[in-house]
Amino acid sequence: MNQTIIRRLLTRGRLPLICSAIMLYYGYHAIYGAHGFITGVDFDKRISHKEQQLGELVSQRQEIEQRIELMKPGQVDPDILDERLRMLLGYGRTDEIVIFRDR
């Protein structure tokens, strides 16, 4: 008698069981899949981080371009020339304190 009840539940419950399994599958992938919600949030975080890095690189490039502008032949800025000579040749007076910065 118990076997007949179990058989009826299995035969009548197949369609809802299959539909539930399909819904769970697609629901899981809608949240955790390659194009799911969590992946989209992660992409947004990565995009904002990359935009911040781009801003920093653009400002560094502008700074370098300004320094290059000051070193054009025929119009070299004396302060830039003095700075480069002291750094390359290691010259300085005895009363000076030299602090080198890494760039």
PDB file of N, CA and C in Angstrom:
ATOM      1  N   MET A   1       0.811  -1.181   0.000  1.00  0.00           N
ATOM      2  CA  MET A   1       0.000   0.000   0.000  1.00  0.00           C
ATOM      3  C   MET A   1       0.871   1.269   0.000  1.00  0.00           C
ATOM      4  N   ASN A   2       1.924   1.258   0.773  1.00  0.00           N
ATOM      5  CA  ASN A   2       2.825   2.399   0.797  1.00  0.00           C
ATOM      6  C   ASN A   2       3.520   2.583  -0.544  1.00  0.00           C
ATOM      7  N   GLN A   3       3.778   1.475  -1.216  1.00  0.00           N
ATOM      8  CA  GLN A   3       4.441   1.553  -2.511  1.00  0.00           C
ATOM      9  C   GLN A   3       3.537   2.206  -3.553  1.00  0.00           C
ATOM     10  N   THR A   4       2.244   1.953  -3.484  1.00  0.00           N
ATOM     11  CA  THR A   4       1.334   2.571  -4.452  1.00  0.00           C
ATOM     12  C   THR A   4       1.241   4.081  -4.235  1.00  0.00           C
ATOM     13  N   ILE A   5       1.261   4.499  -2.983  1.00  0.00           N
ATOM     14  CA  ILE A   5       1.225   5.940  -2.698  1.00  0.00           C
ATOM     15  C   ILE A   5       2.504   6.602  -3.198  1.00  0.00           C
ATOM     16  N   ILE A   6       3.616   5.949  -2.979  1.00  0.00           N
ATOM     17  CA  ILE A   6       4.898   6.491  -3.437  1.00  0.00           C
ATOM     18  C   ILE A   6       4.921   6.550  -4.963  1.00  0.00           C
ATOM     19  N   ARG A   7       4.425   5.525  -5.637  1.00  0.00           N
ATOM     20  CA  ARG A   7       4.383   5.519  -7.106  1.00  0.00           C
ATOM     21  C   ARG A   7       3.496   6.642  -7.628  1.00  0.00           C
ATOM     22  N   ARG A   8       2.365   6.845  -6.994  1.00  0.00           N
ATOM     23  CA  ARG A   8       1.468   7.924  -7.434  1.00  0.00           C
ATOM     24  C   ARG A   8       2.139   9.288  -7.273  1.00  0.00           C
ATOM     25  N   LEU A   9       2.818   9.488  -6.136  1.00  0.00           N
ATOM     26  CA  LEU A   9       3.502  10.763  -5.918  1.00  0.00           C
ATOM     27  C   LEU A   9       4.610  10.979  -6.951  1.00  0.00           C
ATOM     28  N   LEU A  10       5.327   9.898  -7.260  1.00  0.00           N
ATOM     29  CA  LEU A  10       6.405  10.016  -8.238  1.00  0.00           C
ATOM     30  C   LEU A  10       5.866  10.274  -9.635  1.00  0.00           C
ATOM     31  N   THR A  11       4.812   9.605 -10.016  1.00  0.00           N
ATOM     32  CA  THR A  11       4.273   9.806 -11.367  1.00  0.00           C
ATOM     33  C   THR A  11       3.554  11.136 -11.489  1.00  0.00           C
ATOM     34  N   ARG A  12       2.829  11.527 -10.481  1.00  0.00           N
ATOM     35  CA  ARG A  12       2.103  12.802 -10.548  1.00  0.00           C
ATOM     36  C   ARG A  12       3.006  13.992 -10.230  1.00  0.00           C
ATOM     37  N   GLY A  13       4.093  13.787  -9.506  1.00  0.00           N
ATOM     38  CA  GLY A  13       4.962  14.881  -9.080  1.00  0.00           C
ATOM     39  C   GLY A  13       6.149  15.121  -9.992  1.00  0.00           C
ATOM     40  N   ARG A  14       6.218  14.435 -11.110  1.00  0.00           N
ATOM     41  CA  ARG A  14       7.373  14.601 -12.002  1.00  0.00           C
ATOM     42  C   ARG A  14       7.419  15.994 -12.613  1.00  0.00           C
ATOM     43  N   LEU A  15       6.352  16.466 -13.131  1.00  0.00           N
ATOM     44  CA  LEU A  15       6.343  17.772 -13.799  1.00  0.00           C
ATOM     45  C   LEU A  15       6.704  18.904 -12.822  1.00  0.00           C
ATOM     46  N   PRO A  16       6.088  18.984 -11.651  1.00  0.00           N
ATOM     47  CA  PRO A  16       6.512  20.040 -10.712  1.00  0.00           C
ATOM     48  C   PRO A  16       7.968  19.894 -10.275  1.00  0.00           C
ATOM     49  N   LEU A  17       8.421  18.655 -10.131  1.00  0.00           N
ATOM     50  CA  LEU A  17       9.808  18.417  -9.742  1.00  0.00           C
ATOM     51  C   LEU A  17      10.763  18.890 -10.837  1.00  0.00           C
ATOM     52  N   ILE A  18      10.459  18.564 -12.073  1.00  0.00           N
ATOM     53  CA  ILE A  18      11.303  18.986 -13.189  1.00  0.00           C
ATOM     54  C   ILE A  18      11.279  20.510 -13.322  1.00  0.00           C
ATOM     55  N   CYS A  19      10.106  21.111 -13.203  1.00  0.00           N
ATOM     56  CA  CYS A  19      10.000  22.577 -13.286  1.00  0.00           C
ATOM     57  C   CYS A  19      10.766  23.247 -12.148  1.00  0.00           C
ATOM     58  N   SER A  20      10.679  22.698 -10.974  1.00  0.00           N
ATOM     59  CA  SER A  20      11.415  23.258  -9.832  1.00  0.00           C
ATOM     60  C   SER A  20      12.923  23.158 -10.054  1.00  0.00           C
ATOM     61  N   ALA A  21      13.362  22.023 -10.589  1.00  0.00           N
ATOM     62  CA  ALA A  21      14.793  21.850 -10.857  1.00  0.00           C
ATOM     63  C   ALA A  21      15.271  22.852 -11.909  1.00  0.00           C
ATOM     64  N   ILE A  22      14.485  23.049 -12.940  1.00  0.00           N
ATOM     65  CA  ILE A  22      14.859  24.015 -13.986  1.00  0.00           C
ATOM     66  C   ILE A  22      14.899  25.430 -13.412  1.00  0.00           C
ATOM     67  N   MET A  23      13.917  25.767 -12.604  1.00  0.00           N
ATOM     68  CA  MET A  23      13.896  27.098 -11.998  1.00  0.00           C
ATOM     69  C   MET A  23      15.092  27.321 -11.070  1.00  0.00           C
ATOM     70  N   LEU A  24      15.445  26.313 -10.310  1.00  0.00           N
ATOM     71  CA  LEU A  24      16.612  26.421  -9.438  1.00  0.00           C
ATOM     72  C   LEU A  24      17.895  26.594 -10.254  1.00  0.00           C
ATOM     73  N   TYR A  25      18.006  25.837 -11.338  1.00  0.00           N
ATOM     74  CA  TYR A  25      19.184  25.927 -12.194  1.00  0.00           C
ATOM     75  C   TYR A  25      19.343  27.340 -12.754  1.00  0.00           C
ATOM     76  N   TYR A  26      18.286  27.863 -13.366  1.00  0.00           N
ATOM     77  CA  TYR A  26      18.357  29.197 -13.958  1.00  0.00           C
ATOM     78  C   TYR A  26      18.465  30.290 -12.888  1.00  0.00           C
ATOM     79  N   GLY A  27      17.843  30.096 -11.767  1.00  0.00           N
ATOM     80  CA  GLY A  27      17.959  31.057 -10.675  1.00  0.00           C
ATOM     81  C   GLY A  27      19.380  31.136 -10.152  1.00  0.00           C
ATOM     82  N   TYR A  28      20.006  29.981  -9.979  1.00  0.00           N
ATOM     83  CA  TYR A  28      21.398  29.952  -9.520  1.00  0.00           C
ATOM     84  C   TYR A  28      22.304  30.686 -10.503  1.00  0.00           C
ATOM     85  N   HIS A  29      22.156  30.392 -11.787  1.00  0.00           N
ATOM     86  CA  HIS A  29      23.020  31.017 -12.787  1.00  0.00           C
ATOM     87  C   HIS A  29      22.697  32.495 -12.994  1.00  0.00           C
ATOM     88  N   ALA A  30      21.475  32.904 -12.706  1.00  0.00           N
ATOM     89  CA  ALA A  30      21.150  34.332 -12.796  1.00  0.00           C
ATOM     90  C   ALA A  30      21.861  35.124 -11.704  1.00  0.00           C
ATOM     91  N   ILE A  31      22.165  34.479 -10.603  1.00  0.00           N
ATOM     92  CA  ILE A  31      22.846  35.159  -9.505  1.00  0.00           C
ATOM     93  C   ILE A  31      24.360  34.931  -9.554  1.00  0.00           C
ATOM     94  N   TYR A  32      24.793  33.687  -9.697  1.00  0.00           N
ATOM     95  CA  TYR A  32      26.209  33.349  -9.582  1.00  0.00           C
ATOM     96  C   TYR A  32      26.889  33.016 -10.908  1.00  0.00           C
ATOM     97  N   GLY A  33      26.183  33.013 -12.006  1.00  0.00           N
ATOM     98  CA  GLY A  33      26.735  32.598 -13.291  1.00  0.00           C
ATOM     99  C   GLY A  33      27.717  33.600 -13.879  1.00  0.00           C
ATOM    100  N   ALA A  34      28.216  33.271 -15.060  1.00  0.00           N
ATOM    101  CA  ALA A  34      29.210  34.108 -15.733  1.00  0.00           C
ATOM    102  C   ALA A  34      28.653  35.484 -16.074  1.00  0.00           C
ATOM    103  N   HIS A  35      27.369  35.583 -16.315  1.00  0.00           N
ATOM    104  CA  HIS A  35      26.733  36.870 -16.612  1.00  0.00           C
ATOM    105  C   HIS A  35      25.693  37.220 -15.557  1.00  0.00           C
ATOM    106  N   GLY A  36      25.879  36.703 -14.356  1.00  0.00           N
ATOM    107  CA  GLY A  36      24.910  36.896 -13.292  1.00  0.00           C
ATOM    108  C   GLY A  36      25.080  38.201 -12.537  1.00  0.00           C
ATOM    109  N   PHE A  37      24.248  38.366 -11.542  1.00  0.00           N
ATOM    110  CA  PHE A  37      24.195  39.600 -10.761  1.00  0.00           C
ATOM    111  C   PHE A  37      25.505  39.866 -10.030  1.00  0.00           C
ATOM    112  N   ILE A  38      26.049  38.877  -9.354  1.00  0.00           N
ATOM    113  CA  ILE A  38      27.274  39.067  -8.568  1.00  0.00           C
ATOM    114  C   ILE A  38      28.461  39.369  -9.475  1.00  0.00           C
ATOM    115  N   THR A  39      28.512  38.736 -10.635  1.00  0.00           N
ATOM    116  CA  THR A  39      29.578  39.023 -11.595  1.00  0.00           C
ATOM    117  C   THR A  39      29.465  40.457 -12.096  1.00  0.00           C
ATOM    118  N   GLY A  40      28.254  40.931 -12.316  1.00  0.00           N
ATOM    119  CA  GLY A  40      28.059  42.318 -12.745  1.00  0.00           C
ATOM    120  C   GLY A  40      28.528  43.306 -11.697  1.00  0.00           C
ATOM    121  N   VAL A  41      28.238  43.025 -10.442  1.00  0.00           N
ATOM    122  CA  VAL A  41      28.700  43.900  -9.361  1.00  0.00           C
ATOM    123  C   VAL A  41      30.224  43.904  -9.304  1.00  0.00           C
ATOM    124  N   ASP A  42      30.841  42.737  -9.479  1.00  0.00           N
ATOM    125  CA  ASP A  42      32.293  42.639  -9.485  1.00  0.00           C
ATOM    126  C   ASP A  42      32.884  43.431 -10.655  1.00  0.00           C
ATOM    127  N   PHE A  43      32.255  43.343 -11.823  1.00  0.00           N
ATOM    128  CA  PHE A  43      32.721  44.114 -12.974  1.00  0.00           C
ATOM    129  C   PHE A  43      32.636  45.609 -12.700  1.00  0.00           C
ATOM    130  N   ASP A  44      31.571  46.053 -12.054  1.00  0.00           N
ATOM    131  CA  ASP A  44      31.425  47.470 -11.727  1.00  0.00           C
ATOM    132  C   ASP A  44      32.542  47.932 -10.796  1.00  0.00           C
ATOM    133  N   LYS A  45      32.883  47.103  -9.814  1.00  0.00           N
ATOM    134  CA  LYS A  45      33.976  47.443  -8.904  1.00  0.00           C
ATOM    135  C   LYS A  45      35.302  47.527  -9.655  1.00  0.00           C
ATOM    136  N   ARG A  46      35.535  46.566 -10.549  1.00  0.00           N
ATOM    137  CA  ARG A  46      36.773  46.563 -11.313  1.00  0.00           C
ATOM    138  C   ARG A  46      36.851  47.765 -12.244  1.00  0.00           C
ATOM    139  N   ILE A  47      35.723  48.147 -12.838  1.00  0.00           N
ATOM    140  CA  ILE A  47      35.708  49.309 -13.731  1.00  0.00           C
ATOM    141  C   ILE A  47      36.031  50.583 -12.955  1.00  0.00           C
ATOM    142  N   SER A  48      35.446  50.755 -11.781  1.00  0.00           N
ATOM    143  CA  SER A  48      35.729  51.962 -10.997  1.00  0.00           C
ATOM    144  C   SER A  48      37.197  51.996 -10.553  1.00  0.00           C
ATOM    145  N   HIS A  49      37.755  50.836 -10.216  1.00  0.00           N
ATOM    146  CA  HIS A  49      39.165  50.773  -9.831  1.00  0.00           C
ATOM    147  C   HIS A  49      40.056  51.129 -11.021  1.00  0.00           C
ATOM    148  N   LYS A  50      39.737  50.607 -12.196  1.00  0.00           N
ATOM    149  CA  LYS A  50      40.527  50.902 -13.396  1.00  0.00           C
ATOM    150  C   LYS A  50      40.399  52.368 -13.798  1.00  0.00           C
ATOM    151  N   GLU A  51      39.221  52.972 -13.619  1.00  0.00           N
ATOM    152  CA  GLU A  51      39.053  54.391 -13.909  1.00  0.00           C
ATOM    153  C   GLU A  51      39.899  55.242 -12.969  1.00  0.00           C
ATOM    154  N   GLN A  52      40.001  54.828 -11.716  1.00  0.00           N
ATOM    155  CA  GLN A  52      40.844  55.538 -10.759  1.00  0.00           C
ATOM    156  C   GLN A  52      42.306  55.427 -11.177  1.00  0.00           C
ATOM    157  N   GLN A  53      42.739  54.237 -11.576  1.00  0.00           N
ATOM    158  CA  GLN A  53      44.114  54.061 -12.043  1.00  0.00           C
ATOM    159  C   GLN A  53      44.373  54.905 -13.288  1.00  0.00           C
ATOM    160  N   LEU A  54      43.401  54.974 -14.181  1.00  0.00           N
ATOM    161  CA  LEU A  54      43.543  55.783 -15.381  1.00  0.00           C
ATOM    162  C   LEU A  54      43.723  57.259 -15.022  1.00  0.00           C
ATOM    163  N   GLY A  55      42.950  57.737 -14.065  1.00  0.00           N
ATOM    164  CA  GLY A  55      43.095  59.122 -13.627  1.00  0.00           C
ATOM    165  C   GLY A  55      44.487  59.410 -13.079  1.00  0.00           C
ATOM    166  N   GLU A  56      45.019  58.481 -12.299  1.00  0.00           N
ATOM    167  CA  GLU A  56      46.365  58.652 -11.758  1.00  0.00           C
ATOM    168  C   GLU A  56      47.408  58.664 -12.867  1.00  0.00           C
ATOM    169  N   LEU A  57      47.251  57.767 -13.847  1.00  0.00           N
ATOM    170  CA  LEU A  57      48.208  57.709 -14.952  1.00  0.00           C
ATOM    171  C   LEU A  57      48.137  58.957 -15.822  1.00  0.00           C
ATOM    172  N   VAL A  58      46.941  59.485 -16.025  1.00  0.00           N
ATOM    173  CA  VAL A  58      46.797  60.703 -16.817  1.00  0.00           C
ATOM    174  C   VAL A  58      47.492  61.878 -16.110  1.00  0.00           C
ATOM    175  N   SER A  59      47.327  61.977 -14.792  1.00  0.00           N
ATOM    176  CA  SER A  59      47.986  63.067 -14.061  1.00  0.00           C
ATOM    177  C   SER A  59      49.509  62.903 -14.093  1.00  0.00           C
ATOM    178  N   GLN A  60      50.003  61.664 -13.999  1.00  0.00           N
ATOM    179  CA  GLN A  60      51.446  61.434 -14.099  1.00  0.00           C
ATOM    180  C   GLN A  60      51.959  61.821 -15.479  1.00  0.00           C
ATOM    181  N   ARG A  61      51.197  61.474 -16.499  1.00  0.00           N
ATOM    182  CA  ARG A  61      51.605  61.811 -17.860  1.00  0.00           C
ATOM    183  C   ARG A  61      51.642  63.326 -18.047  1.00  0.00           C
ATOM    184  N   GLN A  62      50.663  64.041 -17.528  1.00  0.00           N
ATOM    185  CA  GLN A  62      50.654  65.498 -17.651  1.00  0.00           C
ATOM    186  C   GLN A  62      51.854  66.116 -16.949  1.00  0.00           C
ATOM    187  N   GLU A  63      52.196  65.565 -15.788  1.00  0.00           N
ATOM    188  CA  GLU A  63      53.365  66.062 -15.061  1.00  0.00           C
ATOM    189  C   GLU A  63      54.641  65.837 -15.866  1.00  0.00           C
ATOM    190  N   ILE A  64      54.765  64.672 -16.467  1.00  0.00           N
ATOM    191  CA  ILE A  64      55.950  64.365 -17.280  1.00  0.00           C
ATOM    192  C   ILE A  64      56.003  65.268 -18.507  1.00  0.00           C
ATOM    193  N   GLU A  65      54.851  65.489 -19.141  1.00  0.00           N
ATOM    194  CA  GLU A  65      54.817  66.363 -20.313  1.00  0.00           C
ATOM    195  C   GLU A  65      55.201  67.789 -19.951  1.00  0.00           C
ATOM    196  N   GLN A  66      54.806  68.251 -18.774  1.00  0.00           N
ATOM    197  CA  GLN A  66      55.191  69.595 -18.334  1.00  0.00           C
ATOM    198  C   GLN A  66      56.700  69.693 -18.122  1.00  0.00           C
ATOM    199  N   ARG A  67      57.276  68.631 -17.537  1.00  0.00           N
ATOM    200  CA  ARG A  67      58.732  68.627 -17.322  1.00  0.00           C
ATOM    201  C   ARG A  67      59.473  68.569 -18.653  1.00  0.00           C
ATOM    202  N   ILE A  68      58.946  67.817 -19.610  1.00  0.00           N
ATOM    203  CA  ILE A  68      59.572  67.741 -20.930  1.00  0.00           C
ATOM    204  C   ILE A  68      59.496  69.099 -21.619  1.00  0.00           C
ATOM    205  N   GLU A  69      58.372  69.776 -21.449  1.00  0.00           N
ATOM    206  CA  GLU A  69      58.197  71.107 -22.037  1.00  0.00           C
ATOM    207  C   GLU A  69      59.262  72.072 -21.515  1.00  0.00           C
ATOM    208  N   LEU A  70      59.627  71.926 -20.236  1.00  0.00           N
ATOM    209  CA  LEU A  70      60.640  72.803 -19.658  1.00  0.00           C
ATOM    210  C   LEU A  70      62.055  72.479 -20.134  1.00  0.00           C
ATOM    211  N   MET A  71      62.245  71.295 -20.724  1.00  0.00           N
ATOM    212  CA  MET A  71      63.586  70.870 -21.137  1.00  0.00           C
ATOM    213  C   MET A  71      63.797  70.932 -22.644  1.00  0.00           C
ATOM    214  N   LYS A  72      62.940  71.625 -23.378  1.00  0.00           N
ATOM    215  CA  LYS A  72      63.096  71.715 -24.829  1.00  0.00           C
ATOM    216  C   LYS A  72      64.395  72.442 -25.172  1.00  0.00           C
ATOM    217  N   PRO A  73      65.065  72.022 -26.237  1.00  0.00           N
ATOM    218  CA  PRO A  73      66.322  72.684 -26.636  1.00  0.00           C
ATOM    219  C   PRO A  73      66.097  74.168 -26.931  1.00  0.00           C
ATOM    220  N   GLY A  74      67.019  74.985 -26.479  1.00  0.00           N
ATOM    221  CA  GLY A  74      66.942  76.419 -26.719  1.00  0.00           C
ATOM    222  C   GLY A  74      66.191  77.173 -25.648  1.00  0.00           C
ATOM    223  N   GLN A  75      65.427  76.506 -24.820  1.00  0.00           N
ATOM    224  CA  GLN A  75      64.666  77.190 -23.773  1.00  0.00           C
ATOM    225  C   GLN A  75      64.617  76.363 -22.496  1.00  0.00           C
ATOM    226  N   VAL A  76      65.752  75.796 -22.122  1.00  0.00           N
ATOM    227  CA  VAL A  76      65.821  74.948 -20.939  1.00  0.00           C
ATOM    228  C   VAL A  76      65.661  75.801 -19.685  1.00  0.00           C
ATOM    229  N   ASP A  77      64.806  75.348 -18.790  1.00  0.00           N
ATOM    230  CA  ASP A  77      64.601  76.030 -17.510  1.00  0.00           C
ATOM    231  C   ASP A  77      65.831  75.797 -16.629  1.00  0.00           C
ATOM    232  N   PRO A  78      66.424  76.841 -16.079  1.00  0.00           N
ATOM    233  CA  PRO A  78      67.648  76.674 -15.278  1.00  0.00           C
ATOM    234  C   PRO A  78      67.449  75.786 -14.047  1.00  0.00           C
ATOM    235  N   ASP A  79      66.284  75.830 -13.424  1.00  0.00           N
ATOM    236  CA  ASP A  79      66.046  74.984 -12.251  1.00  0.00           C
ATOM    237  C   ASP A  79      66.036  73.506 -12.621  1.00  0.00           C
ATOM    238  N   ILE A  80      65.419  73.176 -13.742  1.00  0.00           N
ATOM    239  CA  ILE A  80      65.386  71.774 -14.200  1.00  0.00           C
ATOM    240  C   ILE A  80      66.788  71.308 -14.546  1.00  0.00           C
ATOM    241  N   LEU A  81      67.543  72.160 -15.244  1.00  0.00           N
ATOM    242  CA  LEU A  81      68.916  71.824 -15.604  1.00  0.00           C
ATOM    243  C   LEU A  81      69.756  71.589 -14.353  1.00  0.00           C
ATOM    244  N   ASP A  82      69.630  72.472 -13.377  1.00  0.00           N
ATOM    245  CA  ASP A  82      70.375  72.337 -12.130  1.00  0.00           C
ATOM    246  C   ASP A  82      70.001  71.037 -11.409  1.00  0.00           C
ATOM    247  N   GLU A  83      68.723  70.743 -11.365  1.00  0.00           N
ATOM    248  CA  GLU A  83      68.252  69.519 -10.705  1.00  0.00           C
ATOM    249  C   GLU A  83      68.808  68.278 -11.386  1.00  0.00           C
ATOM    250  N   ARG A  84      68.758  68.242 -12.707  1.00  0.00           N
ATOM    251  CA  ARG A  84      69.250  67.074 -13.444  1.00  0.00           C
ATOM    252  C   ARG A  84      70.768  66.902 -13.290  1.00  0.00           C
ATOM    253  N   LEU A  85      71.496  68.014 -13.351  1.00  0.00           N
ATOM    254  CA  LEU A  85      72.951  67.923 -13.193  1.00  0.00           C
ATOM    255  C   LEU A  85      73.328  67.408 -11.812  1.00  0.00           C
ATOM    256  N   ARG A  86      72.683  67.919 -10.794  1.00  0.00           N
ATOM    257  CA  ARG A  86      72.990  67.471  -9.434  1.00  0.00           C
ATOM    258  C   ARG A  86      72.655  65.978  -9.262  1.00  0.00           C
ATOM    259  N   MET A  87      71.550  65.541  -9.872  1.00  0.00           N
ATOM    260  CA  MET A  87      71.169  64.143  -9.709  1.00  0.00           C
ATOM    261  C   MET A  87      72.105  63.219 -10.487  1.00  0.00           C
ATOM    262  N   LEU A  88      72.439  63.589 -11.720  1.00  0.00           N
ATOM    263  CA  LEU A  88      73.286  62.731 -12.546  1.00  0.00           C
ATOM    264  C   LEU A  88      74.745  62.732 -12.107  1.00  0.00           C
ATOM    265  N   LEU A  89      75.258  63.901 -11.767  1.00  0.00           N
ATOM    266  CA  LEU A  89      76.669  64.004 -11.429  1.00  0.00           C
ATOM    267  C   LEU A  89      76.945  63.874  -9.943  1.00  0.00           C
ATOM    268  N   GLY A  90      75.909  64.045  -9.130  1.00  0.00           N
ATOM    269  CA  GLY A  90      76.090  63.915  -7.697  1.00  0.00           C
ATOM    270  C   GLY A  90      76.746  65.128  -7.061  1.00  0.00           C
ATOM    271  N   TYR A  91      76.684  66.286  -7.714  1.00  0.00           N
ATOM    272  CA  TYR A  91      77.296  67.492  -7.183  1.00  0.00           C
ATOM    273  C   TYR A  91      76.381  68.178  -6.194  1.00  0.00           C
ATOM    274  N   GLY A  92      76.992  68.845  -5.260  1.00  0.00           N
ATOM    275  CA  GLY A  92      76.267  69.643  -4.287  1.00  0.00           C
ATOM    276  C   GLY A  92      77.253  70.366  -3.403  1.00  0.00           C
ATOM    277  N   ARG A  93      76.784  71.409  -2.787  1.00  0.00           N
ATOM    278  CA  ARG A  93      77.658  72.140  -1.881  1.00  0.00           C
ATOM    279  C   ARG A  93      77.633  71.462  -0.518  1.00  0.00           C
ATOM    280  N   THR A  94      78.622  71.837   0.308  1.00  0.00           N
ATOM    281  CA  THR A  94      78.744  71.201   1.621  1.00  0.00           C
ATOM    282  C   THR A  94      77.623  71.610   2.566  1.00  0.00           C
ATOM    283  N   ASP A  95      77.028  72.783   2.338  1.00  0.00           N
ATOM    284  CA  ASP A  95      75.966  73.241   3.235  1.00  0.00           C
ATOM    285  C   ASP A  95      74.568  72.827   2.754  1.00  0.00           C
ATOM    286  N   GLU A  96      74.473  72.013   1.722  1.00  0.00           N
ATOM    287  CA  GLU A  96      73.180  71.590   1.180  1.00  0.00           C
ATOM    288  C   GLU A  96      72.791  70.211   1.694  1.00  0.00           C
ATOM    289  N   ILE A  97      71.521  70.021   1.845  1.00  0.00           N
ATOM    290  CA  ILE A  97      70.979  68.699   2.173  1.00  0.00           C
ATOM    291  C   ILE A  97      70.195  68.235   0.953  1.00  0.00           C
ATOM    292  N   VAL A  98      70.551  67.077   0.441  1.00  0.00           N
ATOM    293  CA  VAL A  98      69.922  66.570  -0.776  1.00  0.00           C
ATOM    294  C   VAL A  98      69.028  65.394  -0.406  1.00  0.00           C
ATOM    295  N   ILE A  99      67.781  65.464  -0.832  1.00  0.00           N
ATOM    296  CA  ILE A  99      66.826  64.390  -0.604  1.00  0.00           C
ATOM    297  C   ILE A  99      66.357  63.879  -1.967  1.00  0.00           C
ATOM    298  N   PHE A 100      66.671  62.626  -2.275  1.00  0.00           N
ATOM    299  CA  PHE A 100      66.273  62.040  -3.543  1.00  0.00           C
ATOM    300  C   PHE A 100      64.925  61.343  -3.375  1.00  0.00           C
ATOM    301  N   ARG A 101      64.037  61.594  -4.309  1.00  0.00           N
ATOM    302  CA  ARG A 101      62.723  60.938  -4.295  1.00  0.00           C
ATOM    303  C   ARG A 101      62.665  59.933  -5.431  1.00  0.00           C
ATOM    304  N   ASP A 102      62.091  58.774  -5.169  1.00  0.00           N
ATOM    305  CA  ASP A 102      61.867  57.799  -6.222  1.00  0.00           C
ATOM    306  C   ASP A 102      60.646  58.217  -7.004  1.00  0.00           C
ATOM    307  N   ARG A 103      60.676  58.076  -8.290  1.00  0.00           N
ATOM    308  CA  ARG A 103      59.526  58.439  -9.125  1.00  0.00           C
ATOM    309  C   ARG A 103      59.017  57.220  -9.812  1.00  0.00           C
TER     310      ARG A 103
END
